[in-house]
């Protein structure tokens, strides 16, 4: 069985936590080649767009905290995450 990519793990964790109506995950690592935190093979910089009813009533900071909590230990393996949460 092939190893899950970081993007697959992000998708699985956010889907389980929020059952989002929209979930888009983009690996932006190549755009950061040579910058801090970049490593060969990518999977270091991500943009995430998520829309979920359970996140809607939360304030901006609470939404970000909820997503980071759902990602758990993945946040130690990812250098940067850009979040678009609605």
PDB file of N, CA and C in Angstrom:
ATOM      1  N   UNK A   1       0.848  -1.189   0.000  1.00  0.00           N
ATOM      2  CA  UNK A   1       0.000   0.000   0.000  1.00  0.00           C
ATOM      3  C   UNK A   1       0.887   1.245   0.000  1.00  0.00           C
ATOM      4  N   UNK A   2       0.634   2.208  -0.891  1.00  0.00           N
ATOM      5  CA  UNK A   2       1.462   3.401  -0.949  1.00  0.00           C
ATOM      6  C   UNK A   2       1.301   4.264   0.302  1.00  0.00           C
ATOM      7  N   UNK A   3       2.382   4.935   0.660  1.00  0.00           N
ATOM      8  CA  UNK A   3       2.369   5.828   1.815  1.00  0.00           C
ATOM      9  C   UNK A   3       1.486   7.037   1.510  1.00  0.00           C
ATOM     10  N   UNK A   4       0.717   7.473   2.510  1.00  0.00           N
ATOM     11  CA  UNK A   4      -0.123   8.665   2.342  1.00  0.00           C
ATOM     12  C   UNK A   4       0.759   9.895   2.223  1.00  0.00           C
ATOM     13  N   UNK A   5       0.386  10.780   1.328  1.00  0.00           N
ATOM     14  CA  UNK A   5       1.077  12.051   1.251  1.00  0.00           C
ATOM     15  C   UNK A   5       0.602  12.936   2.401  1.00  0.00           C
ATOM     16  N   UNK A   6       1.326  13.996   2.658  1.00  0.00           N
ATOM     17  CA  UNK A   6       0.895  14.945   3.687  1.00  0.00           C
ATOM     18  C   UNK A   6      -0.459  15.540   3.297  1.00  0.00           C
ATOM     19  N   UNK A   7      -0.648  15.842   2.014  1.00  0.00           N
ATOM     20  CA  UNK A   7      -1.935  16.377   1.554  1.00  0.00           C
ATOM     21  C   UNK A   7      -3.072  15.385   1.829  1.00  0.00           C
ATOM     22  N   UNK A   8      -2.815  14.090   1.621  1.00  0.00           N
ATOM     23  CA  UNK A   8      -3.823  13.067   1.917  1.00  0.00           C
ATOM     24  C   UNK A   8      -4.147  13.044   3.410  1.00  0.00           C
ATOM     25  N   UNK A   9      -3.116  13.172   4.233  1.00  0.00           N
ATOM     26  CA  UNK A   9      -3.336  13.183   5.687  1.00  0.00           C
ATOM     27  C   UNK A   9      -4.116  14.414   6.114  1.00  0.00           C
ATOM     28  N   UNK A  10      -3.778  15.564   5.534  1.00  0.00           N
ATOM     29  CA  UNK A  10      -4.526  16.793   5.835  1.00  0.00           C
ATOM     30  C   UNK A  10      -5.992  16.587   5.473  1.00  0.00           C
ATOM     31  N   UNK A  11      -6.241  16.072   4.272  1.00  0.00           N
ATOM     32  CA  UNK A  11      -7.609  15.841   3.811  1.00  0.00           C
ATOM     33  C   UNK A  11      -8.366  14.902   4.748  1.00  0.00           C
ATOM     34  N   UNK A  12      -7.735  13.807   5.121  1.00  0.00           N
ATOM     35  CA  UNK A  12      -8.392  12.836   5.996  1.00  0.00           C
ATOM     36  C   UNK A  12      -8.734  13.444   7.351  1.00  0.00           C
ATOM     37  N   UNK A  13      -7.801  14.175   7.922  1.00  0.00           N
ATOM     38  CA  UNK A  13      -8.042  14.741   9.256  1.00  0.00           C
ATOM     39  C   UNK A  13      -9.096  15.839   9.237  1.00  0.00           C
ATOM     40  N   UNK A  14      -9.034  16.719   8.249  1.00  0.00           N
ATOM     41  CA  UNK A  14     -10.019  17.801   8.190  1.00  0.00           C
ATOM     42  C   UNK A  14     -11.393  17.275   7.808  1.00  0.00           C
ATOM     43  N   UNK A  15     -11.454  16.274   6.949  1.00  0.00           N
ATOM     44  CA  UNK A  15     -12.748  15.668   6.589  1.00  0.00           C
ATOM     45  C   UNK A  15     -13.388  15.008   7.800  1.00  0.00           C
ATOM     46  N   UNK A  16     -12.590  14.289   8.591  1.00  0.00           N
ATOM     47  CA  UNK A  16     -13.107  13.622   9.783  1.00  0.00           C
ATOM     48  C   UNK A  16     -13.572  14.621  10.833  1.00  0.00           C
ATOM     49  N   UNK A  17     -12.846  15.713  10.974  1.00  0.00           N
ATOM     50  CA  UNK A  17     -13.167  16.689  12.027  1.00  0.00           C
ATOM     51  C   UNK A  17     -14.352  17.587  11.675  1.00  0.00           C
ATOM     52  N   UNK A  18     -14.479  17.955  10.382  1.00  0.00           N
ATOM     53  CA  UNK A  18     -15.449  18.993  10.029  1.00  0.00           C
ATOM     54  C   UNK A  18     -16.474  18.616   8.971  1.00  0.00           C
ATOM     55  N   UNK A  19     -16.349  17.483   8.303  1.00  0.00           N
ATOM     56  CA  UNK A  19     -17.242  17.122   7.190  1.00  0.00           C
ATOM     57  C   UNK A  19     -17.474  18.330   6.276  1.00  0.00           C
ATOM     58  N   UNK A  20     -16.411  18.872   5.730  1.00  0.00           N
ATOM     59  CA  UNK A  20     -16.542  20.115   4.960  1.00  0.00           C
ATOM     60  C   UNK A  20     -17.311  19.958   3.654  1.00  0.00           C
ATOM     61  N   UNK A  21     -17.997  21.050   3.290  1.00  0.00           N
ATOM     62  CA  UNK A  21     -18.664  21.109   2.003  1.00  0.00           C
ATOM     63  C   UNK A  21     -17.635  21.361   0.906  1.00  0.00           C
ATOM     64  N   UNK A  22     -16.581  22.100   1.248  1.00  0.00           N
ATOM     65  CA  UNK A  22     -15.485  22.415   0.329  1.00  0.00           C
ATOM     66  C   UNK A  22     -14.181  22.154   1.053  1.00  0.00           C
ATOM     67  N   UNK A  23     -13.279  21.428   0.407  1.00  0.00           N
ATOM     68  CA  UNK A  23     -11.942  21.221   0.953  1.00  0.00           C
ATOM     69  C   UNK A  23     -10.971  21.132  -0.212  1.00  0.00           C
ATOM     70  N   UNK A  24     -10.124  22.144  -0.316  1.00  0.00           N
ATOM     71  CA  UNK A  24      -9.118  22.195  -1.374  1.00  0.00           C
ATOM     72  C   UNK A  24      -7.755  22.321  -0.712  1.00  0.00           C
ATOM     73  N   UNK A  25      -6.845  21.458  -1.083  1.00  0.00           N
ATOM     74  CA  UNK A  25      -5.505  21.447  -0.501  1.00  0.00           C
ATOM     75  C   UNK A  25      -4.508  21.536  -1.637  1.00  0.00           C
ATOM     76  N   UNK A  26      -3.635  22.515  -1.546  1.00  0.00           N
ATOM     77  CA  UNK A  26      -2.635  22.711  -2.588  1.00  0.00           C
ATOM     78  C   UNK A  26      -1.246  22.697  -1.965  1.00  0.00           C
ATOM     79  N   UNK A  27      -0.358  21.885  -2.528  1.00  0.00           N
ATOM     80  CA  UNK A  27       1.031  21.855  -2.091  1.00  0.00           C
ATOM     81  C   UNK A  27       1.762  22.982  -2.819  1.00  0.00           C
ATOM     82  N   UNK A  28       2.116  24.028  -2.085  1.00  0.00           N
ATOM     83  CA  UNK A  28       2.800  25.194  -2.642  1.00  0.00           C
ATOM     84  C   UNK A  28       4.306  25.134  -2.444  1.00  0.00           C
ATOM     85  N   UNK A  29       4.818  23.994  -2.053  1.00  0.00           N
ATOM     86  CA  UNK A  29       6.224  23.867  -1.677  1.00  0.00           C
ATOM     87  C   UNK A  29       7.178  24.342  -2.763  1.00  0.00           C
ATOM     88  N   UNK A  30       6.897  24.009  -4.006  1.00  0.00           N
ATOM     89  CA  UNK A  30       7.828  24.355  -5.086  1.00  0.00           C
ATOM     90  C   UNK A  30       7.985  25.868  -5.226  1.00  0.00           C
ATOM     91  N   UNK A  31       6.944  26.617  -4.886  1.00  0.00           N
ATOM     92  CA  UNK A  31       7.020  28.080  -4.936  1.00  0.00           C
ATOM     93  C   UNK A  31       8.018  28.626  -3.913  1.00  0.00           C
ATOM     94  N   UNK A  32       8.374  27.817  -2.934  1.00  0.00           N
ATOM     95  CA  UNK A  32       9.248  28.252  -1.839  1.00  0.00           C
ATOM     96  C   UNK A  32      10.632  27.612  -1.905  1.00  0.00           C
ATOM     97  N   UNK A  33      10.966  27.052  -3.056  1.00  0.00           N
ATOM     98  CA  UNK A  33      12.282  26.414  -3.241  1.00  0.00           C
ATOM     99  C   UNK A  33      13.375  27.389  -2.824  1.00  0.00           C
ATOM    100  N   UNK A  34      14.263  26.905  -1.944  1.00  0.00           N
ATOM    101  CA  UNK A  34      15.380  27.713  -1.477  1.00  0.00           C
ATOM    102  C   UNK A  34      15.068  28.575  -0.272  1.00  0.00           C
ATOM    103  N   UNK A  35      13.819  28.693   0.091  1.00  0.00           N
ATOM    104  CA  UNK A  35      13.431  29.484   1.264  1.00  0.00           C
ATOM    105  C   UNK A  35      13.479  28.613   2.515  1.00  0.00           C
ATOM    106  N   UNK A  36      13.379  29.240   3.663  1.00  0.00           N
ATOM    107  CA  UNK A  36      13.379  28.521   4.926  1.00  0.00           C
ATOM    108  C   UNK A  36      12.282  27.481   5.000  1.00  0.00           C
ATOM    109  N   UNK A  37      12.627  26.313   5.492  1.00  0.00           N
ATOM    110  CA  UNK A  37      11.655  25.251   5.677  1.00  0.00           C
ATOM    111  C   UNK A  37      11.436  24.381   4.466  1.00  0.00           C
ATOM    112  N   UNK A  38      11.903  24.818   3.290  1.00  0.00           N
ATOM    113  CA  UNK A  38      11.719  24.024   2.083  1.00  0.00           C
ATOM    114  C   UNK A  38      12.643  22.816   2.129  1.00  0.00           C
ATOM    115  N   UNK A  39      12.165  21.708   1.611  1.00  0.00           N
ATOM    116  CA  UNK A  39      13.008  20.525   1.497  1.00  0.00           C
ATOM    117  C   UNK A  39      12.693  19.797   0.203  1.00  0.00           C
ATOM    118  N   UNK A  40      13.671  19.068  -0.283  1.00  0.00           N
ATOM    119  CA  UNK A  40      13.501  18.304  -1.517  1.00  0.00           C
ATOM    120  C   UNK A  40      12.314  17.355  -1.369  1.00  0.00           C
ATOM    121  N   UNK A  41      11.490  17.276  -2.384  1.00  0.00           N
ATOM    122  CA  UNK A  41      10.317  16.410  -2.335  1.00  0.00           C
ATOM    123  C   UNK A  41       9.051  17.141  -1.949  1.00  0.00           C
ATOM    124  N   UNK A  42       9.187  18.389  -1.519  1.00  0.00           N
ATOM    125  CA  UNK A  42       8.007  19.193  -1.193  1.00  0.00           C
ATOM    126  C   UNK A  42       7.337  18.792   0.107  1.00  0.00           C
ATOM    127  N   UNK A  43       6.026  18.980   0.127  1.00  0.00           N
ATOM    128  CA  UNK A  43       5.191  18.685   1.294  1.00  0.00           C
ATOM    129  C   UNK A  43       5.586  19.503   2.525  1.00  0.00           C
ATOM    130  N   UNK A  44       5.971  20.766   2.286  1.00  0.00           N
ATOM    131  CA  UNK A  44       6.361  21.645   3.391  1.00  0.00           C
ATOM    132  C   UNK A  44       5.498  22.894   3.491  1.00  0.00           C
ATOM    133  N   UNK A  45       4.901  23.310   2.398  1.00  0.00           N
ATOM    134  CA  UNK A  45       4.100  24.536   2.347  1.00  0.00           C
ATOM    135  C   UNK A  45       2.754  24.216   1.688  1.00  0.00           C
ATOM    136  N   UNK A  46       1.668  24.531   2.377  1.00  0.00           N
ATOM    137  CA  UNK A  46       0.342  24.203   1.860  1.00  0.00           C
ATOM    138  C   UNK A  46      -0.610  25.388   1.949  1.00  0.00           C
ATOM    139  N   UNK A  47      -1.532  25.447   1.002  1.00  0.00           N
ATOM    140  CA  UNK A  47      -2.684  26.343   1.061  1.00  0.00           C
ATOM    141  C   UNK A  47      -3.904  25.459   1.214  1.00  0.00           C
ATOM    142  N   UNK A  48      -4.756  25.823   2.161  1.00  0.00           N
ATOM    143  CA  UNK A  48      -5.956  25.032   2.437  1.00  0.00           C
ATOM    144  C   UNK A  48      -7.168  25.960   2.389  1.00  0.00           C
ATOM    145  N   UNK A  49      -8.148  25.577   1.606  1.00  0.00           N
ATOM    146  CA  UNK A  49      -9.435  26.277   1.552  1.00  0.00           C
ATOM    147  C   UNK A  49     -10.473  25.306   2.086  1.00  0.00           C
ATOM    148  N   UNK A  50     -11.175  25.717   3.129  1.00  0.00           N
ATOM    149  CA  UNK A  50     -12.169  24.836   3.743  1.00  0.00           C
ATOM    150  C   UNK A  50     -13.429  25.625   4.064  1.00  0.00           C
ATOM    151  N   UNK A  51     -14.558  25.006   3.787  1.00  0.00           N
ATOM    152  CA  UNK A  51     -15.873  25.549   4.129  1.00  0.00           C
ATOM    153  C   UNK A  51     -16.632  24.442   4.849  1.00  0.00           C
ATOM    154  N   UNK A  52     -17.027  24.724   6.076  1.00  0.00           N
ATOM    155  CA  UNK A  52     -17.755  23.727   6.861  1.00  0.00           C
ATOM    156  C   UNK A  52     -18.740  24.439   7.779  1.00  0.00           C
ATOM    157  N   UNK A  53     -19.931  23.885   7.871  1.00  0.00           N
ATOM    158  CA  UNK A  53     -20.972  24.481   8.710  1.00  0.00           C
ATOM    159  C   UNK A  53     -20.523  24.607  10.159  1.00  0.00           C
ATOM    160  N   UNK A  54     -19.748  23.648  10.640  1.00  0.00           N
ATOM    161  CA  UNK A  54     -19.321  23.676  12.034  1.00  0.00           C
ATOM    162  C   UNK A  54     -18.306  24.783  12.314  1.00  0.00           C
ATOM    163  N   UNK A  55     -17.644  25.287  11.287  1.00  0.00           N
ATOM    164  CA  UNK A  55     -16.675  26.372  11.469  1.00  0.00           C
ATOM    165  C   UNK A  55     -17.315  27.748  11.319  1.00  0.00           C
ATOM    166  N   UNK A  56     -18.432  27.817  10.614  1.00  0.00           N
ATOM    167  CA  UNK A  56     -19.074  29.092  10.285  1.00  0.00           C
ATOM    168  C   UNK A  56     -19.366  29.987  11.487  1.00  0.00           C
ATOM    169  N   UNK A  57     -19.885  29.454  12.599  1.00  0.00           N
ATOM    170  CA  UNK A  57     -20.223  30.346  13.709  1.00  0.00           C
ATOM    171  C   UNK A  57     -19.015  30.828  14.527  1.00  0.00           C
ATOM    172  N   UNK A  58     -17.847  30.272  14.277  1.00  0.00           N
ATOM    173  CA  UNK A  58     -16.658  30.628  15.041  1.00  0.00           C
ATOM    174  C   UNK A  58     -16.010  31.896  14.505  1.00  0.00           C
ATOM    175  N   UNK A  59     -15.346  32.613  15.391  1.00  0.00           N
ATOM    176  CA  UNK A  59     -14.564  33.769  14.965  1.00  0.00           C
ATOM    177  C   UNK A  59     -13.324  33.319  14.209  1.00  0.00           C
ATOM    178  N   UNK A  60     -12.636  34.265  13.586  1.00  0.00           N
ATOM    179  CA  UNK A  60     -11.473  33.951  12.755  1.00  0.00           C
ATOM    180  C   UNK A  60     -10.396  33.191  13.520  1.00  0.00           C
ATOM    181  N   UNK A  61     -10.038  33.655  14.692  1.00  0.00           N
ATOM    182  CA  UNK A  61      -8.983  32.999  15.467  1.00  0.00           C
ATOM    183  C   UNK A  61      -9.434  31.603  15.910  1.00  0.00           C
ATOM    184  N   UNK A  62     -10.680  31.466  16.327  1.00  0.00           N
ATOM    185  CA  UNK A  62     -11.202  30.165  16.761  1.00  0.00           C
ATOM    186  C   UNK A  62     -11.229  29.167  15.601  1.00  0.00           C
ATOM    187  N   UNK A  63     -11.558  29.638  14.396  1.00  0.00           N
ATOM    188  CA  UNK A  63     -11.542  28.754  13.221  1.00  0.00           C
ATOM    189  C   UNK A  63     -10.130  28.251  12.952  1.00  0.00           C
ATOM    190  N   UNK A  64      -9.159  29.141  13.006  1.00  0.00           N
ATOM    191  CA  UNK A  64      -7.767  28.748  12.781  1.00  0.00           C
ATOM    192  C   UNK A  64      -7.298  27.760  13.843  1.00  0.00           C
ATOM    193  N   UNK A  65      -7.650  28.036  15.081  1.00  0.00           N
ATOM    194  CA  UNK A  65      -7.272  27.112  16.163  1.00  0.00           C
ATOM    195  C   UNK A  65      -7.896  25.741  15.960  1.00  0.00           C
ATOM    196  N   UNK A  66      -9.152  25.712  15.544  1.00  0.00           N
ATOM    197  CA  UNK A  66      -9.848  24.434  15.334  1.00  0.00           C
ATOM    198  C   UNK A  66      -9.171  23.629  14.225  1.00  0.00           C
ATOM    199  N   UNK A  67      -8.784  24.285  13.148  1.00  0.00           N
ATOM    200  CA  UNK A  67      -8.116  23.585  12.050  1.00  0.00           C
ATOM    201  C   UNK A  67      -6.757  23.073  12.514  1.00  0.00           C
ATOM    202  N   UNK A  68      -5.994  23.907  13.209  1.00  0.00           N
ATOM    203  CA  UNK A  68      -4.685  23.471  13.698  1.00  0.00           C
ATOM    204  C   UNK A  68      -4.821  22.303  14.674  1.00  0.00           C
ATOM    205  N   UNK A  69      -5.839  22.347  15.508  1.00  0.00           N
ATOM    206  CA  UNK A  69      -6.064  21.245  16.450  1.00  0.00           C
ATOM    207  C   UNK A  69      -6.394  19.960  15.686  1.00  0.00           C
ATOM    208  N   UNK A  70      -7.217  20.062  14.661  1.00  0.00           N
ATOM    209  CA  UNK A  70      -7.572  18.880  13.863  1.00  0.00           C
ATOM    210  C   UNK A  70      -6.348  18.311  13.140  1.00  0.00           C
ATOM    211  N   UNK A  71      -5.438  19.174  12.728  1.00  0.00           N
ATOM    212  CA  UNK A  71      -4.229  18.705  12.043  1.00  0.00           C
ATOM    213  C   UNK A  71      -3.242  18.065  13.015  1.00  0.00           C
ATOM    214  N   UNK A  72      -3.312  18.441  14.276  1.00  0.00           N
ATOM    215  CA  UNK A  72      -2.494  17.815  15.315  1.00  0.00           C
ATOM    216  C   UNK A  72      -1.013  17.828  14.998  1.00  0.00           C
ATOM    217  N   UNK A  73      -0.376  16.673  15.094  1.00  0.00           N
ATOM    218  CA  UNK A  73       1.070  16.561  14.923  1.00  0.00           C
ATOM    219  C   UNK A  73       1.539  16.856  13.506  1.00  0.00           C
ATOM    220  N   UNK A  74       0.634  16.924  12.549  1.00  0.00           N
ATOM    221  CA  UNK A  74       1.042  17.293  11.185  1.00  0.00           C
ATOM    222  C   UNK A  74       1.650  18.690  11.154  1.00  0.00           C
ATOM    223  N   UNK A  75       1.219  19.548  12.058  1.00  0.00           N
ATOM    224  CA  UNK A  75       1.732  20.918  12.051  1.00  0.00           C
ATOM    225  C   UNK A  75       3.224  20.964  12.376  1.00  0.00           C
ATOM    226  N   UNK A  76       3.770  19.919  12.970  1.00  0.00           N
ATOM    227  CA  UNK A  76       5.213  19.887  13.227  1.00  0.00           C
ATOM    228  C   UNK A  76       5.989  19.440  11.994  1.00  0.00           C
ATOM    229  N   UNK A  77       5.305  18.844  11.024  1.00  0.00           N
ATOM    230  CA  UNK A  77       5.945  18.365   9.792  1.00  0.00           C
ATOM    231  C   UNK A  77       5.773  19.339   8.629  1.00  0.00           C
ATOM    232  N   UNK A  78       4.926  20.338   8.809  1.00  0.00           N
ATOM    233  CA  UNK A  78       4.639  21.315   7.765  1.00  0.00           C
ATOM    234  C   UNK A  78       5.262  22.641   8.179  1.00  0.00           C
ATOM    235  N   UNK A  79       5.983  23.262   7.254  1.00  0.00           N
ATOM    236  CA  UNK A  79       6.629  24.535   7.575  1.00  0.00           C
ATOM    237  C   UNK A  79       5.632  25.700   7.569  1.00  0.00           C
ATOM    238  N   UNK A  80       4.712  25.711   6.596  1.00  0.00           N
ATOM    239  CA  UNK A  80       3.791  26.841   6.469  1.00  0.00           C
ATOM    240  C   UNK A  80       2.440  26.379   5.937  1.00  0.00           C
ATOM    241  N   UNK A  81       1.386  26.956   6.516  1.00  0.00           N
ATOM    242  CA  UNK A  81       0.018  26.672   6.082  1.00  0.00           C
ATOM    243  C   UNK A  81      -0.704  28.001   5.897  1.00  0.00           C
ATOM    244  N   UNK A  82      -1.241  28.220   4.702  1.00  0.00           N
ATOM    245  CA  UNK A  82      -2.082  29.377   4.446  1.00  0.00           C
ATOM    246  C   UNK A  82      -3.528  28.876   4.490  1.00  0.00           C
ATOM    247  N   UNK A  83      -4.328  29.469   5.365  1.00  0.00           N
ATOM    248  CA  UNK A  83      -5.710  29.014   5.541  1.00  0.00           C
ATOM    249  C   UNK A  83      -6.715  30.024   4.996  1.00  0.00           C
ATOM    250  N   UNK A  84      -7.677  29.510   4.272  1.00  0.00           N
ATOM    251  CA  UNK A  84      -8.836  30.264   3.802  1.00  0.00           C
ATOM    252  C   UNK A  84     -10.036  29.508   4.355  1.00  0.00           C
ATOM    253  N   UNK A  85     -10.585  30.024   5.452  1.00  0.00           N
ATOM    254  CA  UNK A  85     -11.639  29.312   6.179  1.00  0.00           C
ATOM    255  C   UNK A  85     -12.923  30.126   6.162  1.00  0.00           C
ATOM    256  N   UNK A  86     -14.004  29.478   5.778  1.00  0.00           N
ATOM    257  CA  UNK A  86     -15.280  30.174   5.765  1.00  0.00           C
ATOM    258  C   UNK A  86     -16.328  29.387   6.478  1.00  0.00           C
TER     259      UNK A  86
END
